[in-house]
N, C-alpha and C. Protein backbone atom coordinates (compact mmCIF):
# COMPACT_ATOMS: atom_id res chain seq x y z
N MET A 1 -24.40 -0.16 3.38
CA MET A 1 -24.63 -1.54 3.71
C MET A 1 -24.49 -1.69 5.23
N MET A 2 -25.45 -2.37 5.84
CA MET A 2 -25.41 -2.57 7.28
C MET A 2 -24.53 -3.78 7.60
N ALA A 3 -23.70 -3.64 8.64
CA ALA A 3 -22.80 -4.72 9.03
C ALA A 3 -23.57 -5.78 9.81
N LYS A 4 -23.21 -7.03 9.61
CA LYS A 4 -23.81 -8.14 10.35
C LYS A 4 -23.02 -8.31 11.64
N SER A 5 -23.71 -8.41 12.77
CA SER A 5 -23.06 -8.58 14.06
C SER A 5 -23.04 -10.05 14.45
N VAL A 6 -21.88 -10.51 14.93
CA VAL A 6 -21.68 -11.91 15.32
C VAL A 6 -21.02 -11.91 16.69
N ASN A 7 -21.47 -12.80 17.60
CA ASN A 7 -20.80 -12.85 18.90
C ASN A 7 -19.45 -13.54 18.79
N LEU A 8 -18.61 -13.30 19.77
CA LEU A 8 -17.23 -13.77 19.73
C LEU A 8 -17.13 -15.30 19.64
N TYR A 9 -17.95 -16.01 20.38
CA TYR A 9 -17.91 -17.47 20.34
C TYR A 9 -18.22 -17.99 18.94
N ARG A 10 -19.27 -17.45 18.32
CA ARG A 10 -19.62 -17.88 16.96
C ARG A 10 -18.51 -17.51 15.98
N ALA A 11 -17.90 -16.33 16.18
CA ALA A 11 -16.80 -15.91 15.29
C ALA A 11 -15.63 -16.89 15.39
N LYS A 12 -15.32 -17.34 16.60
CA LYS A 12 -14.21 -18.29 16.76
C LYS A 12 -14.52 -19.62 16.10
N THR A 13 -15.74 -20.10 16.24
CA THR A 13 -16.07 -21.41 15.69
C THR A 13 -16.35 -21.40 14.20
N HIS A 14 -16.65 -20.23 13.64
CA HIS A 14 -16.96 -20.12 12.20
C HIS A 14 -16.05 -19.12 11.50
N LEU A 15 -14.82 -18.97 11.97
CA LEU A 15 -13.93 -17.95 11.44
C LEU A 15 -13.68 -18.10 9.94
N SER A 16 -13.46 -19.31 9.48
CA SER A 16 -13.18 -19.54 8.07
C SER A 16 -14.34 -19.05 7.19
N ASP A 17 -15.56 -19.37 7.58
CA ASP A 17 -16.74 -18.93 6.84
C ASP A 17 -16.86 -17.40 6.88
N LEU A 18 -16.63 -16.81 8.04
CA LEU A 18 -16.73 -15.35 8.17
C LEU A 18 -15.68 -14.64 7.31
N VAL A 19 -14.49 -15.20 7.24
CA VAL A 19 -13.43 -14.60 6.40
C VAL A 19 -13.83 -14.65 4.93
N GLU A 20 -14.39 -15.77 4.49
CA GLU A 20 -14.85 -15.87 3.10
C GLU A 20 -15.94 -14.84 2.81
N ARG A 21 -16.87 -14.67 3.74
CA ARG A 21 -17.93 -13.69 3.55
C ARG A 21 -17.37 -12.28 3.50
N ALA A 22 -16.42 -11.97 4.37
CA ALA A 22 -15.81 -10.64 4.37
C ALA A 22 -15.04 -10.41 3.07
N ALA A 23 -14.35 -11.44 2.59
CA ALA A 23 -13.59 -11.31 1.34
C ALA A 23 -14.51 -11.07 0.15
N SER A 24 -15.77 -11.52 0.25
CA SER A 24 -16.71 -11.31 -0.85
C SER A 24 -17.44 -9.96 -0.72
N GLY A 25 -17.08 -9.16 0.29
CA GLY A 25 -17.61 -7.81 0.38
C GLY A 25 -18.50 -7.52 1.58
N GLU A 26 -18.83 -8.54 2.35
CA GLU A 26 -19.69 -8.33 3.51
C GLU A 26 -18.87 -7.78 4.68
N GLU A 27 -19.44 -6.87 5.44
CA GLU A 27 -18.78 -6.34 6.64
C GLU A 27 -19.38 -7.04 7.85
N ILE A 28 -18.52 -7.56 8.73
CA ILE A 28 -18.97 -8.32 9.89
C ILE A 28 -18.39 -7.68 11.14
N VAL A 29 -19.26 -7.39 12.11
CA VAL A 29 -18.83 -6.83 13.39
C VAL A 29 -18.82 -7.96 14.41
N ILE A 30 -17.70 -8.10 15.13
CA ILE A 30 -17.58 -9.12 16.16
C ILE A 30 -17.82 -8.45 17.51
N ALA A 31 -18.78 -9.00 18.27
CA ALA A 31 -19.17 -8.41 19.55
C ALA A 31 -18.88 -9.37 20.69
N LYS A 32 -18.56 -8.80 21.85
CA LYS A 32 -18.35 -9.58 23.07
C LYS A 32 -19.33 -9.04 24.10
N ALA A 33 -20.18 -9.91 24.60
CA ALA A 33 -21.23 -9.53 25.55
C ALA A 33 -22.10 -8.41 25.00
N GLY A 34 -22.38 -8.48 23.68
CA GLY A 34 -23.24 -7.49 23.05
C GLY A 34 -22.56 -6.18 22.69
N LYS A 35 -21.30 -6.01 23.06
CA LYS A 35 -20.55 -4.78 22.79
C LYS A 35 -19.65 -5.00 21.57
N PRO A 36 -19.79 -4.19 20.51
CA PRO A 36 -18.93 -4.35 19.33
C PRO A 36 -17.45 -4.18 19.70
N MET A 37 -16.63 -5.14 19.27
CA MET A 37 -15.20 -5.14 19.61
C MET A 37 -14.29 -5.04 18.38
N ALA A 38 -14.72 -5.59 17.25
CA ALA A 38 -13.87 -5.61 16.06
C ALA A 38 -14.74 -5.65 14.82
N ARG A 39 -14.13 -5.26 13.70
CA ARG A 39 -14.82 -5.28 12.41
C ARG A 39 -14.00 -6.12 11.45
N LEU A 40 -14.64 -7.04 10.78
CA LEU A 40 -13.98 -7.91 9.80
C LEU A 40 -14.42 -7.48 8.41
N VAL A 41 -13.46 -7.04 7.60
CA VAL A 41 -13.74 -6.61 6.23
C VAL A 41 -12.70 -7.22 5.31
N GLY A 42 -13.05 -7.37 4.05
CA GLY A 42 -12.12 -7.91 3.06
C GLY A 42 -11.11 -6.87 2.63
N LEU A 43 -10.00 -7.33 2.11
CA LEU A 43 -8.98 -6.44 1.57
C LEU A 43 -9.30 -6.09 0.13
N PRO A 44 -8.87 -4.91 -0.33
CA PRO A 44 -9.08 -4.58 -1.74
C PRO A 44 -8.27 -5.51 -2.63
N LYS A 45 -8.79 -5.75 -3.81
CA LYS A 45 -8.09 -6.62 -4.77
C LYS A 45 -6.76 -5.97 -5.15
N ALA A 46 -5.69 -6.75 -5.06
CA ALA A 46 -4.36 -6.25 -5.40
C ALA A 46 -4.11 -6.40 -6.89
N LYS A 47 -3.35 -5.48 -7.46
CA LYS A 47 -2.96 -5.60 -8.86
C LYS A 47 -1.93 -6.71 -8.97
N ARG A 48 -2.09 -7.51 -9.99
CA ARG A 48 -1.11 -8.56 -10.23
C ARG A 48 -0.14 -8.09 -11.30
N SER A 49 1.10 -8.03 -10.93
CA SER A 49 2.11 -7.71 -11.92
C SER A 49 3.25 -8.69 -11.75
N SER A 50 3.61 -9.31 -12.82
CA SER A 50 4.72 -10.24 -12.74
C SER A 50 5.63 -10.00 -13.93
N ALA A 51 6.90 -10.04 -13.66
CA ALA A 51 7.89 -9.86 -14.71
C ALA A 51 8.05 -11.18 -15.46
N PHE A 52 8.41 -11.10 -16.73
CA PHE A 52 8.64 -12.28 -17.53
C PHE A 52 9.71 -13.15 -16.87
N GLY A 53 9.45 -14.44 -16.75
CA GLY A 53 10.43 -15.36 -16.19
C GLY A 53 10.34 -15.49 -14.69
N ARG A 54 9.44 -14.76 -14.06
CA ARG A 54 9.33 -14.83 -12.60
C ARG A 54 7.90 -15.22 -12.26
N ASN A 55 7.76 -16.28 -11.50
CA ASN A 55 6.41 -16.70 -11.13
C ASN A 55 6.01 -16.05 -9.82
N LEU A 56 4.79 -16.30 -9.38
CA LEU A 56 4.27 -15.65 -8.19
C LEU A 56 4.88 -16.19 -6.90
N MET A 57 5.60 -17.31 -6.95
CA MET A 57 6.22 -17.87 -5.76
C MET A 57 7.61 -17.27 -5.53
N GLY A 58 8.09 -16.43 -6.42
CA GLY A 58 9.39 -15.81 -6.25
C GLY A 58 10.54 -16.63 -6.79
N VAL A 59 10.25 -17.62 -7.64
CA VAL A 59 11.29 -18.45 -8.23
C VAL A 59 11.51 -17.97 -9.66
N THR A 60 12.75 -17.69 -10.00
CA THR A 60 13.09 -17.22 -11.33
C THR A 60 13.94 -18.27 -12.03
N LEU A 61 13.58 -18.61 -13.26
CA LEU A 61 14.36 -19.57 -14.04
C LEU A 61 15.28 -18.82 -14.99
N HIS A 62 16.52 -19.24 -15.03
CA HIS A 62 17.51 -18.65 -15.93
C HIS A 62 18.11 -19.76 -16.78
N SER A 63 18.25 -19.50 -18.04
CA SER A 63 18.89 -20.46 -18.92
C SER A 63 20.39 -20.45 -18.63
N SER A 64 21.00 -21.62 -18.64
CA SER A 64 22.45 -21.69 -18.40
C SER A 64 23.22 -21.14 -19.60
N ARG A 65 22.59 -21.07 -20.79
CA ARG A 65 23.25 -20.54 -21.98
C ARG A 65 22.97 -19.05 -22.16
N GLY A 66 22.07 -18.51 -21.35
CA GLY A 66 21.77 -17.10 -21.49
C GLY A 66 20.64 -16.80 -22.45
N ASP A 67 20.07 -17.85 -23.08
CA ASP A 67 18.93 -17.63 -23.95
C ASP A 67 17.77 -18.50 -23.47
N ALA A 68 16.64 -18.31 -24.05
CA ALA A 68 15.46 -19.08 -23.63
C ALA A 68 15.16 -20.17 -24.64
N GLY A 69 16.12 -21.00 -24.94
CA GLY A 69 15.93 -22.09 -25.89
C GLY A 69 14.90 -23.08 -25.38
N PRO A 70 14.12 -23.70 -26.28
CA PRO A 70 13.05 -24.58 -25.84
C PRO A 70 13.52 -25.88 -25.21
N GLU A 71 13.67 -26.93 -25.95
CA GLU A 71 13.99 -28.24 -25.41
C GLU A 71 15.49 -28.41 -25.19
N GLY A 72 15.83 -29.24 -24.23
CA GLY A 72 17.22 -29.57 -23.99
C GLY A 72 18.04 -28.44 -23.40
N CYS A 73 17.40 -27.39 -22.99
CA CYS A 73 18.12 -26.25 -22.42
C CYS A 73 18.00 -26.31 -20.90
N PRO A 74 19.04 -26.73 -20.22
CA PRO A 74 18.94 -26.80 -18.77
C PRO A 74 18.77 -25.40 -18.17
N ALA A 75 18.09 -25.34 -17.09
CA ALA A 75 17.84 -24.04 -16.44
C ALA A 75 18.30 -24.11 -14.99
N ARG A 76 18.75 -22.99 -14.48
CA ARG A 76 19.10 -22.90 -13.07
C ARG A 76 17.96 -22.18 -12.37
N VAL A 77 17.75 -22.51 -11.12
CA VAL A 77 16.67 -21.89 -10.35
C VAL A 77 17.28 -20.96 -9.32
N ALA A 78 16.77 -19.74 -9.29
CA ALA A 78 17.19 -18.77 -8.28
C ALA A 78 15.95 -18.45 -7.46
N ALA A 79 16.02 -18.66 -6.17
CA ALA A 79 14.83 -18.48 -5.32
C ALA A 79 14.86 -17.13 -4.62
N GLY A 80 13.69 -16.53 -4.50
CA GLY A 80 13.52 -15.32 -3.71
C GLY A 80 13.90 -14.05 -4.42
N PRO A 81 13.51 -12.92 -3.85
CA PRO A 81 13.75 -11.63 -4.48
C PRO A 81 15.21 -11.19 -4.46
N THR A 82 16.05 -11.82 -3.62
CA THR A 82 17.45 -11.41 -3.55
C THR A 82 18.35 -12.27 -4.41
N ALA A 83 17.77 -13.21 -5.15
CA ALA A 83 18.57 -14.10 -5.98
C ALA A 83 19.23 -13.31 -7.11
N ARG A 84 20.45 -13.68 -7.42
CA ARG A 84 21.18 -13.02 -8.50
C ARG A 84 20.87 -13.67 -9.84
N LYS A 85 20.97 -12.90 -10.89
CA LYS A 85 20.76 -13.47 -12.22
C LYS A 85 21.94 -14.35 -12.58
N ALA A 86 21.66 -15.38 -13.37
CA ALA A 86 22.71 -16.31 -13.79
C ALA A 86 23.68 -15.57 -14.70
N SER A 87 24.96 -15.88 -14.55
CA SER A 87 25.96 -15.25 -15.42
C SER A 87 25.96 -15.96 -16.76
N LYS A 88 26.25 -15.21 -17.83
CA LYS A 88 26.22 -15.78 -19.18
C LYS A 88 27.50 -16.50 -19.50
């Protein structure tokens, strides 16, 4: 696939659009005064793996009773990857 060349001024004013195009698989070369200076390419798709009870924002919910009871079961929130599990 041939890379599309874009001048630096256009890249600055249309960066959001260029990033979307690169993320969809297009390769874009950014040139200054006709000389290629940088290449914009999308990142490979990352595998999504999440442990039960942990969302993608890094917040983990723990039941205060130690079980996952449905209604009326208050939960404590532990934020971030260094948060400790709730004691039973």
